[in-house]
């Protein structure tokens, strides 16, 4: 099992994941990235345009392993 951090950004504003999440199966990274995107969209409900936002997933060494755009709708 590996721990990953899921940071959300639009290039200006950032929501950092300092704790991370243990993910056993790497294929589940996309599902967790979608969950993070939904949580950010719920917490920043004054934001209307999510087209520039994405979740950047990093392993604990800081290597980026996935970039997943927000999907609104």
Protein backbone atom coordinates (compact mmCIF):
# COMPACT_ATOMS: atom_id res chain seq x y z
CA UNK A 1 0.00 0.00 0.00
CA UNK A 2 1.28 3.45 -0.86
CA UNK A 3 0.32 6.90 0.37
CA UNK A 4 -0.55 9.60 -2.13
CA UNK A 5 -1.34 13.29 -1.77
CA UNK A 6 -4.16 14.86 -3.77
CA UNK A 7 -3.68 18.59 -4.39
CA UNK A 8 -6.29 20.68 -6.21
CA UNK A 9 -5.40 23.82 -8.12
CA UNK A 10 -6.36 26.11 -10.94
CA UNK A 11 -2.84 27.55 -11.17
CA UNK A 12 -3.67 30.45 -8.82
CA UNK A 13 -5.59 29.02 -5.86
CA UNK A 14 -4.54 25.73 -4.26
CA UNK A 15 -6.05 23.24 -1.87
CA UNK A 16 -3.19 21.16 -0.48
CA UNK A 17 -3.51 17.66 0.92
CA UNK A 18 -0.93 17.54 3.72
CA UNK A 19 -2.08 14.19 5.13
CA UNK A 20 -2.57 12.07 2.01
CA UNK A 21 -4.45 8.82 1.61
CA UNK A 22 -3.29 5.21 1.54
CA UNK A 23 -4.25 3.62 -1.77
CA UNK A 24 -3.75 -0.11 -2.18
CA UNK A 25 -4.63 -0.42 -5.88
CA UNK A 26 -3.16 2.31 -8.13
CA UNK A 27 -6.19 2.08 -10.44
CA UNK A 28 -8.22 3.66 -7.62
CA UNK A 29 -6.25 6.91 -7.85
CA UNK A 30 -8.68 8.27 -10.44
CA UNK A 31 -11.69 7.55 -8.24
CA UNK A 32 -10.05 9.27 -5.25
CA UNK A 33 -9.07 12.25 -7.43
CA UNK A 34 -12.73 12.59 -8.46
CA UNK A 35 -13.78 12.45 -4.79
CA UNK A 36 -11.30 15.20 -3.94
CA UNK A 37 -12.56 17.34 -6.82
CA UNK A 38 -16.15 16.95 -5.61
CA UNK A 39 -15.15 17.87 -2.06
CA UNK A 40 -13.31 20.98 -3.23
CA UNK A 41 -16.22 22.07 -5.41
CA UNK A 42 -18.55 21.66 -2.41
CA UNK A 43 -16.28 23.58 -0.06
CA UNK A 44 -15.61 26.45 -2.47
CA UNK A 45 -19.20 26.86 -3.57
CA UNK A 46 -18.73 30.53 -4.53
CA UNK A 47 -16.60 29.40 -7.48
CA UNK A 48 -18.53 29.03 -10.74
CA UNK A 49 -15.95 28.10 -13.36
CA UNK A 50 -14.10 24.85 -12.64
CA UNK A 51 -12.70 24.42 -16.15
CA UNK A 52 -9.14 25.34 -15.13
CA UNK A 53 -9.08 23.19 -11.99
CA UNK A 54 -7.41 19.80 -11.70
CA UNK A 55 -6.27 17.34 -9.03
CA UNK A 56 -2.55 16.64 -9.07
CA UNK A 57 -1.68 13.33 -7.40
CA UNK A 58 1.80 12.87 -5.92
CA UNK A 59 3.54 9.99 -4.19
CA UNK A 60 5.39 10.67 -0.94
CA UNK A 61 8.64 11.35 -2.78
CA UNK A 62 6.85 14.25 -4.51
CA UNK A 63 6.69 12.60 -7.93
CA UNK A 64 3.50 13.48 -9.81
CA UNK A 65 1.73 10.29 -10.84
CA UNK A 66 -1.59 11.63 -12.16
CA UNK A 67 -3.28 14.85 -13.21
CA UNK A 68 -7.08 14.65 -13.34
CA UNK A 69 -9.20 17.62 -14.51
CA UNK A 70 -12.27 18.51 -12.47
CA UNK A 71 -15.48 17.36 -14.07
CA UNK A 72 -18.46 19.51 -13.19
CA UNK A 73 -22.01 18.67 -13.88
